[in-house]
Amino acid sequence: MTKVVLGLFAGVLASSLSPLTAHAAPAGAVKNVVLVHGAFADGSGWKAVYDILQRDGYNVSIVQPPETSLEEDIAATTRILDQQDGPTILVGHSYGGMIISGAGNHARVKALVYVAAFQPEVGESLGSLQASKPPAANSIVPSADGFLFLDRAKFHADFAADLPASVADLMARSQVPLSAKAAGTPATAPAWKTKPNYAIVATEDRAINPDLERSMYQRSKSTTIELKSSHVAYMSQPKAVADLIEKAATEAK
């Protein structure tokens, strides 16, 4: 998204955020955080979470995966992890959970955080997980060349219901489509099986059934919280999301 969308939702979020006075992260905490967006969005949606983490003394990077294939998206994330100077917390939203489950095997990753995100077992894909529970909505529109979009007319209600309509509209018109290939690629060696993981259930989610989120996080024994939010909890409730990331960073020390 452009600078315009950042300006639009910055005002909405400002009332919920305290002044961003910089201070140091807790002694011994993992200092690096890498954020990965999911389908139909881009990295600029992490702006409010980024600001909080930066204020709190963390070194934050944001991945812009191309969403052309799961392999290429994992490679894009690995490229950013290679740039970190030490232990790192890896965070993914939505389809970003598929990405971090693969990229999280990187030696620098000490813990993973799933924000209303897919958390696959070996052999599971985004598509197979989505089909395992009744869909909360049916807004996917395929393109002629093998990519998936969200119907613009349904984007606000099904993806970002707790954001202003003007923000959701611009997100809908600047969305990053997901390749059908990426949606159908199964996970091979999910990092959550060997590393600490944390998760957020978005209870008002219409992009992923909240019961699917709960079932994935229960089987992995994730440290889990629930937020009354739409699919984009990281935009509508950035403080709560940042708090869980910081908890992971502190406990991973």
Protein backbone atom coordinates (compact mmCIF):
# COMPACT_ATOMS: atom_id res chain seq x y z
CA MET A 1 0.00 0.00 0.00
CA THR A 2 1.02 3.58 -0.49
CA LYS A 3 1.76 6.29 2.02
CA VAL A 4 -1.87 7.36 1.64
CA VAL A 5 -3.22 4.27 3.41
CA LEU A 6 -0.76 4.69 6.25
CA GLY A 7 -2.09 8.17 6.81
CA LEU A 8 -5.66 6.95 6.75
CA PHE A 9 -5.34 4.35 9.47
CA ALA A 10 -2.69 6.15 11.51
CA GLY A 11 -5.28 8.56 12.84
CA VAL A 12 -7.62 5.73 13.80
CA LEU A 13 -4.90 3.91 15.70
CA ALA A 14 -3.46 6.98 17.38
CA SER A 15 -6.15 7.13 20.04
CA SER A 16 -5.28 3.61 21.23
CA LEU A 17 -1.54 4.11 21.40
CA SER A 18 0.44 5.90 24.09
CA PRO A 19 3.13 8.35 22.98
CA LEU A 20 5.94 6.39 21.36
CA THR A 21 8.80 7.30 23.66
CA ALA A 22 11.79 5.11 22.88
CA HIS A 23 13.23 2.85 25.57
CA ALA A 24 15.35 -0.29 25.73
CA ALA A 25 14.05 -3.82 25.38
CA PRO A 26 14.31 -5.95 28.55
CA ALA A 27 17.82 -7.18 29.31
CA GLY A 28 18.45 -10.54 27.72
CA ALA A 29 15.43 -10.41 25.42
CA VAL A 30 15.77 -11.36 21.77
CA LYS A 31 16.19 -7.98 20.07
CA ASN A 32 15.41 -8.79 16.41
CA VAL A 33 11.87 -9.19 15.08
CA VAL A 34 10.95 -10.07 11.50
CA LEU A 35 7.33 -9.52 10.38
CA VAL A 36 5.73 -11.37 7.44
CA HIS A 37 2.41 -10.35 5.89
CA GLY A 38 -0.14 -12.73 4.42
CA ALA A 39 -2.24 -12.86 1.28
CA PHE A 40 -4.20 -9.85 0.00
CA ALA A 41 -2.15 -7.37 2.07
CA ASP A 42 1.39 -6.00 2.17
CA GLY A 43 4.03 -5.07 4.68
CA SER A 44 2.81 -1.54 5.33
CA GLY A 45 -0.06 -2.96 7.40
CA TRP A 46 2.49 -3.73 10.12
CA LYS A 47 3.18 0.01 10.61
CA ALA A 48 1.56 0.37 14.05
CA VAL A 49 3.13 -2.85 15.40
CA TYR A 50 6.48 -1.78 13.95
CA ASP A 51 6.28 1.58 15.72
CA ILE A 52 5.53 -0.01 19.10
CA LEU A 53 8.32 -2.56 18.82
CA GLN A 54 10.83 0.04 17.65
CA ARG A 55 9.86 2.28 20.56
CA ASP A 56 10.41 -0.64 22.93
CA GLY A 57 13.97 -1.17 21.73
CA TYR A 58 13.54 -3.93 19.15
CA ASN A 59 15.20 -4.07 15.75
CA VAL A 60 12.30 -4.71 13.34
CA SER A 61 12.37 -5.82 9.71
CA ILE A 62 9.38 -6.39 7.41
CA VAL A 63 9.39 -8.98 4.62
CA GLN A 64 7.62 -8.35 1.31
CA PRO A 65 7.04 -11.90 0.01
CA PRO A 66 5.96 -11.96 -3.66
CA GLU A 67 3.25 -14.58 -3.02
CA THR A 68 4.09 -16.28 -6.30
CA SER A 69 4.96 -19.62 -4.66
CA LEU A 70 5.52 -20.87 -1.14
CA GLU A 71 9.14 -21.67 -1.99
CA GLU A 72 9.81 -18.15 -3.24
CA ASP A 73 8.06 -16.63 -0.23
CA ILE A 74 10.17 -18.71 2.16
CA ALA A 75 13.27 -17.66 0.21
CA ALA A 76 12.28 -13.98 0.50
CA THR A 77 11.92 -14.38 4.26
CA THR A 78 15.18 -16.29 4.59
CA ARG A 79 16.91 -13.43 2.75
CA ILE A 80 15.80 -11.02 5.50
CA LEU A 81 16.66 -13.47 8.28
CA ASP A 82 20.18 -13.71 6.85
CA GLN A 83 20.53 -9.96 7.44
CA GLN A 84 19.78 -10.17 11.18
CA ASP A 85 22.71 -9.83 13.57
CA GLY A 86 21.56 -12.45 16.08
CA PRO A 87 18.59 -14.32 17.58
CA THR A 88 15.25 -13.37 16.00
CA ILE A 89 11.52 -13.67 16.61
CA LEU A 90 9.66 -14.52 13.38
CA VAL A 91 6.05 -13.36 13.07
CA GLY A 92 3.50 -14.25 10.39
CA HIS A 93 -0.07 -13.20 9.62
CA SER A 94 -2.55 -15.40 7.73
CA TYR A 95 -0.73 -17.08 4.80
CA GLY A 96 2.40 -15.69 6.46
CA GLY A 97 1.99 -18.59 8.90
CA MET A 98 2.72 -21.00 6.07
CA ILE A 99 5.82 -18.96 5.24
CA ILE A 100 7.23 -18.73 8.76
CA SER A 101 6.60 -22.44 9.33
CA GLY A 102 9.17 -23.07 6.60
CA ALA A 103 11.51 -20.10 7.05
CA GLY A 104 11.45 -20.57 10.83
CA ASN A 105 13.92 -23.42 10.54
CA HIS A 106 16.59 -20.74 10.05
CA ALA A 107 19.22 -20.98 12.80
CA ARG A 108 18.61 -17.39 13.96
CA VAL A 109 14.90 -17.93 14.66
CA LYS A 110 14.30 -18.59 18.35
CA ALA A 111 10.48 -18.42 18.44
CA LEU A 112 7.52 -17.99 16.11
CA VAL A 113 4.37 -15.90 16.49
CA TYR A 114 1.25 -16.73 14.47
CA VAL A 115 -1.24 -13.85 14.13
CA ALA A 116 -4.56 -15.26 12.88
CA ALA A 117 -2.29 -17.42 10.75
CA PHE A 118 -2.16 -20.87 9.22
CA GLN A 119 0.03 -23.26 11.20
CA PRO A 120 0.44 -26.38 9.06
CA GLU A 121 1.40 -29.91 9.97
CA VAL A 122 3.62 -31.86 7.56
CA GLY A 123 1.72 -32.40 4.30
CA GLU A 124 -0.91 -29.73 4.93
CA SER A 125 -1.35 -26.76 2.61
CA LEU A 126 -3.25 -23.51 3.01
CA GLY A 127 -5.95 -24.96 0.78
CA SER A 128 -6.31 -28.22 2.68
CA LEU A 129 -6.42 -26.42 6.02
CA GLN A 130 -9.01 -23.93 4.80
CA ALA A 131 -11.17 -26.81 3.54
CA SER A 132 -10.97 -28.65 6.87
CA LYS A 133 -13.50 -26.37 8.57
CA PRO A 134 -16.67 -24.69 7.27
CA PRO A 135 -15.61 -21.40 5.66
CA ALA A 136 -16.41 -18.22 7.52
CA ALA A 137 -16.92 -16.48 4.16
CA ASN A 138 -16.59 -17.13 0.46
CA SER A 139 -14.91 -14.09 -1.06
CA ILE A 140 -12.12 -15.59 -3.18
CA VAL A 141 -12.08 -14.67 -6.87
CA PRO A 142 -9.59 -16.48 -9.15
CA SER A 143 -7.80 -14.73 -11.98
CA ALA A 144 -7.32 -16.20 -15.43
CA ASP A 145 -3.60 -16.74 -14.82
CA GLY A 146 -3.75 -18.69 -11.57
CA PHE A 147 -3.89 -16.08 -8.81
CA LEU A 148 -6.45 -15.47 -6.08
CA PHE A 149 -8.00 -12.15 -5.08
CA LEU A 150 -10.58 -11.13 -2.50
CA ASP A 151 -13.76 -9.71 -3.98
CA ARG A 152 -13.47 -5.94 -3.54
CA ALA A 153 -17.13 -5.64 -2.60
CA LYS A 154 -16.67 -8.13 0.27
CA PHE A 155 -13.17 -7.10 1.38
CA HIS A 156 -14.26 -4.80 4.22
CA ALA A 157 -16.74 -7.24 5.78
CA ASP A 158 -14.68 -10.39 5.36
CA PHE A 159 -11.10 -9.18 5.85
CA ALA A 160 -11.00 -5.91 7.78
CA ALA A 161 -14.38 -5.27 9.38
CA ASP A 162 -12.94 -3.36 12.36
CA LEU A 163 -11.04 -0.87 10.18
CA PRO A 164 -12.61 2.23 8.62
CA ALA A 165 -14.27 1.61 5.26
CA SER A 166 -11.89 4.05 3.58
CA VAL A 167 -8.88 2.03 4.76
CA ALA A 168 -10.43 -1.30 3.77
CA ASP A 169 -11.32 0.08 0.35
CA LEU A 170 -7.76 1.16 -0.37
CA MET A 171 -6.46 -2.19 0.89
CA ALA A 172 -8.91 -3.96 -1.44
CA ARG A 173 -7.69 -1.93 -4.40
CA SER A 174 -4.00 -2.46 -3.59
CA GLN A 175 -4.20 -6.09 -2.50
CA VAL A 176 -1.41 -8.53 -3.29
CA PRO A 177 -2.91 -11.64 -4.94
CA LEU A 178 -1.84 -15.10 -3.82
CA SER A 179 -0.89 -17.69 -6.42
CA ALA A 180 -3.01 -20.82 -6.47
CA LYS A 181 0.30 -22.70 -6.56
CA ALA A 182 1.28 -21.23 -3.18
CA ALA A 183 -2.10 -22.08 -1.70
CA GLY A 184 -1.74 -25.70 -2.77
CA THR A 185 1.86 -26.36 -1.68
CA PRO A 186 2.15 -28.63 1.38
CA ALA A 187 4.40 -27.92 4.35
CA THR A 188 7.42 -30.18 4.73
CA ALA A 189 9.21 -29.48 8.03
CA PRO A 190 7.21 -26.95 10.11
CA ALA A 191 9.47 -25.05 12.48
CA TRP A 192 6.82 -24.90 15.21
CA LYS A 193 7.45 -28.59 15.88
CA THR A 194 10.92 -27.80 17.26
CA LYS A 195 10.74 -24.15 18.39
CA PRO A 196 8.60 -22.21 20.89
CA ASN A 197 5.51 -20.75 19.27
CA TYR A 198 2.86 -18.23 20.18
CA ALA A 199 -0.47 -17.54 18.53
CA ILE A 200 -3.41 -15.17 18.30
CA VAL A 201 -6.98 -16.26 17.53
CA ALA A 202 -9.02 -13.47 15.93
CA THR A 203 -12.49 -14.32 17.23
CA GLU A 204 -14.36 -12.25 14.60
CA ASP A 205 -12.23 -13.55 11.72
CA ARG A 206 -14.09 -14.19 8.46
CA ALA A 207 -11.02 -14.95 6.34
CA ILE A 208 -10.02 -17.97 8.46
CA ASN A 209 -12.56 -19.77 10.62
CA PRO A 210 -11.59 -18.96 14.25
CA ASP A 211 -12.24 -22.61 15.15
CA LEU A 212 -9.56 -23.62 12.63
CA GLU A 213 -7.15 -21.20 14.29
CA ARG A 214 -7.97 -22.70 17.69
CA SER A 215 -7.55 -26.30 16.51
CA MET A 216 -4.16 -25.61 14.88
CA TYR A 217 -2.82 -23.81 17.94
CA GLN A 218 -4.17 -26.43 20.35
CA ARG A 219 -2.43 -29.31 18.59
CA SER A 220 0.90 -27.40 18.56
CA LYS A 221 0.46 -26.37 22.19
CA SER A 222 1.06 -22.75 21.22
CA THR A 223 0.96 -20.09 23.91
CA THR A 224 -2.31 -18.58 22.68
CA ILE A 225 -4.41 -15.48 23.29
CA GLU A 226 -7.75 -14.52 21.76
CA LEU A 227 -8.60 -11.04 20.50
CA LYS A 228 -12.04 -9.79 19.50
CA SER A 229 -10.95 -8.62 16.08
CA SER A 230 -11.28 -9.15 12.37
CA HIS A 231 -8.65 -11.01 10.36
CA VAL A 232 -6.31 -7.98 10.54
CA ALA A 233 -5.78 -8.00 14.31
CA TYR A 234 -2.27 -6.61 13.79
CA MET A 235 -3.82 -3.42 12.36
CA SER A 236 -6.87 -3.04 14.61
CA GLN A 237 -5.20 -4.14 17.87
CA PRO A 238 -1.49 -3.49 17.37
CA LYS A 239 -0.68 -3.09 21.07
CA ALA A 240 -2.00 -6.54 21.96
CA VAL A 241 -0.15 -8.08 19.03
CA ALA A 242 3.09 -6.29 19.94
CA ASP A 243 2.71 -7.40 23.57
CA LEU A 244 2.62 -11.07 22.54
CA ILE A 245 5.66 -10.60 20.29
CA GLU A 246 7.52 -9.01 23.18
CA LYS A 247 6.49 -11.86 25.46
CA ALA A 248 7.99 -14.29 22.95
CA ALA A 249 11.17 -12.19 22.77
CA THR A 250 11.52 -12.11 26.54
CA GLU A 251 10.85 -15.82 27.08
CA ALA A 252 13.10 -16.89 24.19
CA LYS A 253 16.17 -15.36 25.86
